[in-house]
Amino acid sequence: EYDALPEIGHGCGHNLIGAAGVGAAVVLSK
């Protein structure tokens, strides 16, 4: 996930969710 909240920004931490999902997948691919 990677959408943000109006005015607040990433007040639900979706920047971390997106990076974690992508990161875990790349780690396994190695």
PDB file of all heavy atoms in Angstrom:
ATOM      1  N   GLU A   1       0.865  -1.184   0.000  1.00  0.00           N
ATOM      2  CA  GLU A   1       0.000   0.000   0.000  1.00  0.00           C
ATOM      3  C   GLU A   1       0.897   1.227   0.000  1.00  0.00           C
ATOM      4  O   GLU A   1       2.012   1.195   0.543  1.00  0.00           O
ATOM      5  CB  GLU A   1      -0.911   0.021   1.230  1.00  0.00           C
ATOM      6  CG  GLU A   1      -1.866  -1.148   1.302  1.00  0.00           C
ATOM      7  CD  GLU A   1      -2.684  -1.178   2.590  1.00  0.00           C
ATOM      8  OE1 GLU A   1      -2.462  -0.306   3.461  1.00  0.00           O
ATOM      9  OE2 GLU A   1      -3.524  -2.082   2.727  1.00  0.00           O
ATOM     10  N   TYR A   2       0.414   2.345  -0.560  1.00  0.00           N
ATOM     11  CA  TYR A   2       1.280   3.523  -0.664  1.00  0.00           C
ATOM     12  C   TYR A   2       0.525   4.824  -0.830  1.00  0.00           C
ATOM     13  O   TYR A   2       1.100   5.847  -1.183  1.00  0.00           O
ATOM     14  CB  TYR A   2       2.268   3.346  -1.842  1.00  0.00           C
ATOM     15  CG  TYR A   2       1.703   2.550  -3.000  1.00  0.00           C
ATOM     16  CD1 TYR A   2       0.954   3.147  -4.012  1.00  0.00           C
ATOM     17  CD2 TYR A   2       1.898   1.170  -3.059  1.00  0.00           C
ATOM     18  CE1 TYR A   2       0.430   2.406  -5.056  1.00  0.00           C
ATOM     19  CE2 TYR A   2       1.369   0.415  -4.098  1.00  0.00           C
ATOM     20  CZ  TYR A   2       0.633   1.040  -5.097  1.00  0.00           C
ATOM     21  OH  TYR A   2       0.104   0.294  -6.119  1.00  0.00           O
ATOM     22  N   ASP A   3      -0.782   4.823  -0.559  1.00  0.00           N
ATOM     23  CA  ASP A   3      -1.542   6.077  -0.622  1.00  0.00           C
ATOM     24  C   ASP A   3      -1.466   6.800   0.715  1.00  0.00           C
ATOM     25  O   ASP A   3      -1.231   6.207   1.769  1.00  0.00           O
ATOM     26  CB  ASP A   3      -3.002   5.817  -1.009  1.00  0.00           C
ATOM     27  CG  ASP A   3      -3.726   4.920  -0.011  1.00  0.00           C
ATOM     28  OD1 ASP A   3      -3.120   3.913   0.436  1.00  0.00           O
ATOM     29  OD2 ASP A   3      -4.887   5.213   0.322  1.00  0.00           O
ATOM     30  N   ALA A   4      -1.658   8.117   0.654  1.00  0.00           N
ATOM     31  CA  ALA A   4      -1.549   8.966   1.831  1.00  0.00           C
ATOM     32  C   ALA A   4      -2.893   9.621   2.144  1.00  0.00           C
ATOM     33  O   ALA A   4      -3.868   9.491   1.396  1.00  0.00           O
ATOM     34  CB  ALA A   4      -0.478  10.035   1.610  1.00  0.00           C
ATOM     35  N   LEU A   5      -2.924  10.322   3.268  1.00  0.00           N
ATOM     36  CA  LEU A   5      -4.125  11.024   3.722  1.00  0.00           C
ATOM     37  C   LEU A   5      -4.078  12.487   3.298  1.00  0.00           C
ATOM     38  O   LEU A   5      -3.002  13.094   3.281  1.00  0.00           O
ATOM     39  CB  LEU A   5      -4.236  10.936   5.244  1.00  0.00           C
ATOM     40  CG  LEU A   5      -4.414   9.529   5.818  1.00  0.00           C
ATOM     41  CD1 LEU A   5      -4.070   9.518   7.304  1.00  0.00           C
ATOM     42  CD2 LEU A   5      -5.837   9.049   5.596  1.00  0.00           C
ATOM     43  N   PRO A   6      -5.213  13.084   2.971  1.00  0.00           N
ATOM     44  CA  PRO A   6      -5.232  14.510   2.617  1.00  0.00           C
ATOM     45  C   PRO A   6      -4.678  15.363   3.756  1.00  0.00           C
ATOM     46  O   PRO A   6      -5.018  15.155   4.922  1.00  0.00           O
ATOM     47  CB  PRO A   6      -6.725  14.802   2.392  1.00  0.00           C
ATOM     48  CG  PRO A   6      -7.343  13.478   2.120  1.00  0.00           C
ATOM     49  CD  PRO A   6      -6.550  12.467   2.904  1.00  0.00           C
ATOM     50  N   GLU A   7      -3.795  16.279   3.419  1.00  0.00           N
ATOM     51  CA  GLU A   7      -3.200  17.256   4.344  1.00  0.00           C
ATOM     52  C   GLU A   7      -2.244  16.633   5.359  1.00  0.00           C
ATOM     53  O   GLU A   7      -1.197  17.191   5.665  1.00  0.00           O
ATOM     54  CB  GLU A   7      -4.300  18.038   5.083  1.00  0.00           C
ATOM     55  CG  GLU A   7      -5.201  18.839   4.154  1.00  0.00           C
ATOM     56  CD  GLU A   7      -6.240  19.647   4.907  1.00  0.00           C
ATOM     57  OE1 GLU A   7      -6.179  19.698   6.149  1.00  0.00           O
ATOM     58  OE2 GLU A   7      -7.122  20.228   4.242  1.00  0.00           O
ATOM     59  N   ILE A   8      -2.561  15.457   5.874  1.00  0.00           N
ATOM     60  CA  ILE A   8      -1.730  14.832   6.910  1.00  0.00           C
ATOM     61  C   ILE A   8      -0.496  14.165   6.322  1.00  0.00           C
ATOM     62  O   ILE A   8       0.578  14.179   6.908  1.00  0.00           O
ATOM     63  CB  ILE A   8      -2.562  13.815   7.712  1.00  0.00           C
ATOM     64  CG1 ILE A   8      -3.639  14.545   8.510  1.00  0.00           C
ATOM     65  CG2 ILE A   8      -1.675  12.986   8.637  1.00  0.00           C
ATOM     66  CD1 ILE A   8      -4.603  13.624   9.215  1.00  0.00           C
ATOM     67  N   GLY A   9      -0.635  13.571   5.154  1.00  0.00           N
ATOM     68  CA  GLY A   9       0.465  12.804   4.570  1.00  0.00           C
ATOM     69  C   GLY A   9       0.342  11.334   4.947  1.00  0.00           C
ATOM     70  O   GLY A   9      -0.765  10.785   5.009  1.00  0.00           O
ATOM     71  N   HIS A  10       1.475  10.687   5.240  1.00  0.00           N
ATOM     72  CA  HIS A  10       1.459   9.252   5.532  1.00  0.00           C
ATOM     73  C   HIS A  10       1.178   8.993   7.013  1.00  0.00           C
ATOM     74  O   HIS A  10       1.946   8.345   7.718  1.00  0.00           O
ATOM     75  CB  HIS A  10       2.752   8.593   5.068  1.00  0.00           C
ATOM     76  CG  HIS A  10       2.738   8.287   3.605  1.00  0.00           C
ATOM     77  ND1 HIS A  10       2.072   7.210   3.076  1.00  0.00           N
ATOM     78  CD2 HIS A  10       3.246   8.962   2.551  1.00  0.00           C
ATOM     79  CE1 HIS A  10       2.189   7.201   1.760  1.00  0.00           C
ATOM     80  NE2 HIS A  10       2.895   8.264   1.413  1.00  0.00           N
ATOM     81  N   GLY A  11       0.010   9.496   7.434  1.00  0.00           N
ATOM     82  CA  GLY A  11      -0.414   9.326   8.817  1.00  0.00           C
ATOM     83  C   GLY A  11      -0.940   7.951   9.142  1.00  0.00           C
ATOM     84  O   GLY A  11      -1.376   7.699  10.267  1.00  0.00           O
ATOM     85  N   CYS A  12      -0.915   7.041   8.165  1.00  0.00           N
ATOM     86  CA  CYS A  12      -1.275   5.646   8.432  1.00  0.00           C
ATOM     87  C   CYS A  12      -0.110   4.707   8.105  1.00  0.00           C
ATOM     88  O   CYS A  12      -0.249   3.486   8.171  1.00  0.00           O
ATOM     89  CB  CYS A  12      -2.519   5.260   7.638  1.00  0.00           C
ATOM     90  SG  CYS A  12      -3.495   3.939   8.391  1.00  0.00           S
ATOM     91  N   GLY A  13       1.010   5.288   7.706  1.00  0.00           N
ATOM     92  CA  GLY A  13       2.217   4.496   7.518  1.00  0.00           C
ATOM     93  C   GLY A  13       2.260   3.640   6.278  1.00  0.00           C
ATOM     94  O   GLY A  13       2.999   2.651   6.210  1.00  0.00           O
ATOM     95  N   HIS A  14       1.504   4.041   5.244  1.00  0.00           N
ATOM     96  CA  HIS A  14       1.497   3.218   4.038  1.00  0.00           C
ATOM     97  C   HIS A  14       2.824   3.258   3.292  1.00  0.00           C
ATOM     98  O   HIS A  14       3.099   2.358   2.497  1.00  0.00           O
ATOM     99  CB  HIS A  14       0.355   3.634   3.119  1.00  0.00           C
ATOM    100  CG  HIS A  14      -1.000   3.312   3.672  1.00  0.00           C
ATOM    101  ND1 HIS A  14      -2.155   3.447   2.936  1.00  0.00           N
ATOM    102  CD2 HIS A  14      -1.384   2.847   4.887  1.00  0.00           C
ATOM    103  CE1 HIS A  14      -3.192   3.088   3.678  1.00  0.00           C
ATOM    104  NE2 HIS A  14      -2.751   2.726   4.870  1.00  0.00           N
ATOM    105  N   ASN A  15       3.632   4.271   3.528  1.00  0.00           N
ATOM    106  CA  ASN A  15       4.971   4.278   2.941  1.00  0.00           C
ATOM    107  C   ASN A  15       5.794   3.102   3.469  1.00  0.00           C
ATOM    108  O   ASN A  15       6.573   2.485   2.736  1.00  0.00           O
ATOM    109  CB  ASN A  15       5.686   5.603   3.229  1.00  0.00           C
ATOM    110  CG  ASN A  15       5.887   5.860   4.712  1.00  0.00           C
ATOM    111  OD1 ASN A  15       4.978   5.642   5.522  1.00  0.00           O
ATOM    112  ND2 ASN A  15       7.066   6.329   5.080  1.00  0.00           N
ATOM    113  N   LEU A  16       5.581   2.761   4.746  1.00  0.00           N
ATOM    114  CA  LEU A  16       6.272   1.604   5.327  1.00  0.00           C
ATOM    115  C   LEU A  16       5.684   0.296   4.804  1.00  0.00           C
ATOM    116  O   LEU A  16       6.416  -0.662   4.545  1.00  0.00           O
ATOM    117  CB  LEU A  16       6.163   1.642   6.859  1.00  0.00           C
ATOM    118  CG  LEU A  16       6.784   2.841   7.572  1.00  0.00           C
ATOM    119  CD1 LEU A  16       6.616   2.689   9.077  1.00  0.00           C
ATOM    120  CD2 LEU A  16       8.257   2.997   7.219  1.00  0.00           C
ATOM    121  N   ILE A  17       4.362   0.263   4.643  1.00  0.00           N
ATOM    122  CA  ILE A  17       3.707  -0.958   4.151  1.00  0.00           C
ATOM    123  C   ILE A  17       4.191  -1.292   2.743  1.00  0.00           C
ATOM    124  O   ILE A  17       4.511  -2.445   2.437  1.00  0.00           O
ATOM    125  CB  ILE A  17       2.176  -0.786   4.173  1.00  0.00           C
ATOM    126  CG1 ILE A  17       1.687  -0.568   5.614  1.00  0.00           C
ATOM    127  CG2 ILE A  17       1.488  -2.004   3.547  1.00  0.00           C
ATOM    128  CD1 ILE A  17       0.213  -0.209   5.714  1.00  0.00           C
ATOM    129  N   GLY A  18       4.224  -0.283   1.888  1.00  0.00           N
ATOM    130  CA  GLY A  18       4.684  -0.504   0.518  1.00  0.00           C
ATOM    131  C   GLY A  18       6.117  -0.971   0.457  1.00  0.00           C
ATOM    132  O   GLY A  18       6.451  -1.934  -0.258  1.00  0.00           O
ATOM    133  N   ALA A  19       6.992  -0.299   1.224  1.00  0.00           N
ATOM    134  CA  ALA A  19       8.402  -0.672   1.220  1.00  0.00           C
ATOM    135  C   ALA A  19       8.621  -2.059   1.812  1.00  0.00           C
ATOM    136  O   ALA A  19       9.481  -2.820   1.348  1.00  0.00           O
ATOM    137  CB  ALA A  19       9.209   0.372   1.992  1.00  0.00           C
ATOM    138  N   ALA A  20       7.839  -2.413   2.832  1.00  0.00           N
ATOM    139  CA  ALA A  20       8.002  -3.718   3.474  1.00  0.00           C
ATOM    140  C   ALA A  20       7.600  -4.853   2.545  1.00  0.00           C
ATOM    141  O   ALA A  20       8.300  -5.878   2.448  1.00  0.00           O
ATOM    142  CB  ALA A  20       7.185  -3.773   4.764  1.00  0.00           C
ATOM    143  N   GLY A  21       6.466  -4.701   1.846  1.00  0.00           N
ATOM    144  CA  GLY A  21       6.027  -5.747   0.929  1.00  0.00           C
ATOM    145  C   GLY A  21       7.009  -5.954  -0.206  1.00  0.00           C
ATOM    146  O   GLY A  21       7.379  -7.091  -0.540  1.00  0.00           O
ATOM    147  N   VAL A  22       7.452  -4.851  -0.793  1.00  0.00           N
ATOM    148  CA  VAL A  22       8.424  -4.919  -1.881  1.00  0.00           C
ATOM    149  C   VAL A  22       9.759  -5.453  -1.357  1.00  0.00           C
ATOM    150  O   VAL A  22      10.400  -6.312  -1.988  1.00  0.00           O
ATOM    151  CB  VAL A  22       8.599  -3.533  -2.521  1.00  0.00           C
ATOM    152  CG1 VAL A  22       9.818  -3.503  -3.438  1.00  0.00           C
ATOM    153  CG2 VAL A  22       7.340  -3.151  -3.299  1.00  0.00           C
ATOM    154  N   GLY A  23      10.170  -4.955  -0.200  1.00  0.00           N
ATOM    155  CA  GLY A  23      11.448  -5.372   0.362  1.00  0.00           C
ATOM    156  C   GLY A  23      11.501  -6.854   0.679  1.00  0.00           C
ATOM    157  O   GLY A  23      12.485  -7.540   0.354  1.00  0.00           O
ATOM    158  N   ALA A  24      10.444  -7.382   1.294  1.00  0.00           N
ATOM    159  CA  ALA A  24      10.413  -8.809   1.637  1.00  0.00           C
ATOM    160  C   ALA A  24      10.479  -9.668   0.384  1.00  0.00           C
ATOM    161  O   ALA A  24      11.171 -10.700   0.351  1.00  0.00           O
ATOM    162  CB  ALA A  24       9.153  -9.120   2.438  1.00  0.00           C
ATOM    163  N   ALA A  25       9.773  -9.253  -0.658  1.00  0.00           N
ATOM    164  CA  ALA A  25       9.783 -10.013  -1.911  1.00  0.00           C
ATOM    165  C   ALA A  25      11.166 -10.030  -2.535  1.00  0.00           C
ATOM    166  O   ALA A  25      11.650 -11.080  -3.000  1.00  0.00           O
ATOM    167  CB  ALA A  25       8.767  -9.422  -2.886  1.00  0.00           C
ATOM    168  N   VAL A  26      11.832  -8.882  -2.554  1.00  0.00           N
ATOM    169  CA  VAL A  26      13.170  -8.805  -3.142  1.00  0.00           C
ATOM    170  C   VAL A  26      14.157  -9.638  -2.334  1.00  0.00           C
ATOM    171  O   VAL A  26      15.025 -10.327  -2.894  1.00  0.00           O
ATOM    172  CB  VAL A  26      13.631  -7.339  -3.255  1.00  0.00           C
ATOM    173  CG1 VAL A  26      15.113  -7.263  -3.635  1.00  0.00           C
ATOM    174  CG2 VAL A  26      12.787  -6.602  -4.285  1.00  0.00           C
ATOM    175  N   VAL A  27      14.026  -9.602  -1.015  1.00  0.00           N
ATOM    176  CA  VAL A  27      14.912 -10.414  -0.166  1.00  0.00           C
ATOM    177  C   VAL A  27      14.779 -11.892  -0.534  1.00  0.00           C
ATOM    178  O   VAL A  27      15.777 -12.593  -0.733  1.00  0.00           O
ATOM    179  CB  VAL A  27      14.581 -10.191   1.328  1.00  0.00           C
ATOM    180  CG1 VAL A  27      15.268 -11.254   2.186  1.00  0.00           C
ATOM    181  CG2 VAL A  27      15.020  -8.799   1.772  1.00  0.00           C
ATOM    182  N   LEU A  28      13.553 -12.382  -0.652  1.00  0.00           N
ATOM    183  CA  LEU A  28      13.362 -13.795  -0.997  1.00  0.00           C
ATOM    184  C   LEU A  28      13.894 -14.120  -2.387  1.00  0.00           C
ATOM    185  O   LEU A  28      14.399 -15.228  -2.629  1.00  0.00           O
ATOM    186  CB  LEU A  28      11.877 -14.161  -0.920  1.00  0.00           C
ATOM    187  CG  LEU A  28      11.277 -14.401   0.461  1.00  0.00           C
ATOM    188  CD1 LEU A  28       9.877 -14.978   0.330  1.00  0.00           C
ATOM    189  CD2 LEU A  28      12.147 -15.347   1.286  1.00  0.00           C
ATOM    190  N   SER A  29      13.802 -13.170  -3.299  1.00  0.00           N
ATOM    191  CA  SER A  29      14.273 -13.430  -4.668  1.00  0.00           C
ATOM    192  C   SER A  29      15.775 -13.670  -4.730  1.00  0.00           C
ATOM    193  O   SER A  29      16.282 -14.209  -5.721  1.00  0.00           O
ATOM    194  CB  SER A  29      13.894 -12.256  -5.576  1.00  0.00           C
ATOM    195  OG  SER A  29      14.728 -11.118  -5.350  1.00  0.00           O
ATOM    196  N   LYS A  30      16.491 -13.269  -3.689  1.00  0.00           N
ATOM    197  CA  LYS A  30      17.947 -13.443  -3.666  1.00  0.00           C
ATOM    198  C   LYS A  30      18.374 -14.823  -3.153  1.00  0.00           C
ATOM    199  O   LYS A  30      19.564 -15.153  -3.199  1.00  0.00           O
ATOM    200  CB  LYS A  30      18.596 -12.366  -2.788  1.00  0.00           C
ATOM    201  CG  LYS A  30      18.256 -10.939  -3.195  1.00  0.00           C
ATOM    202  CD  LYS A  30      18.654 -10.629  -4.622  1.00  0.00           C
ATOM    203  CE  LYS A  30      18.279  -9.214  -5.028  1.00  0.00           C
ATOM    204  NZ  LYS A  30      18.576  -8.956  -6.465  1.00  0.00           N
TER     205      LYS A  30
END
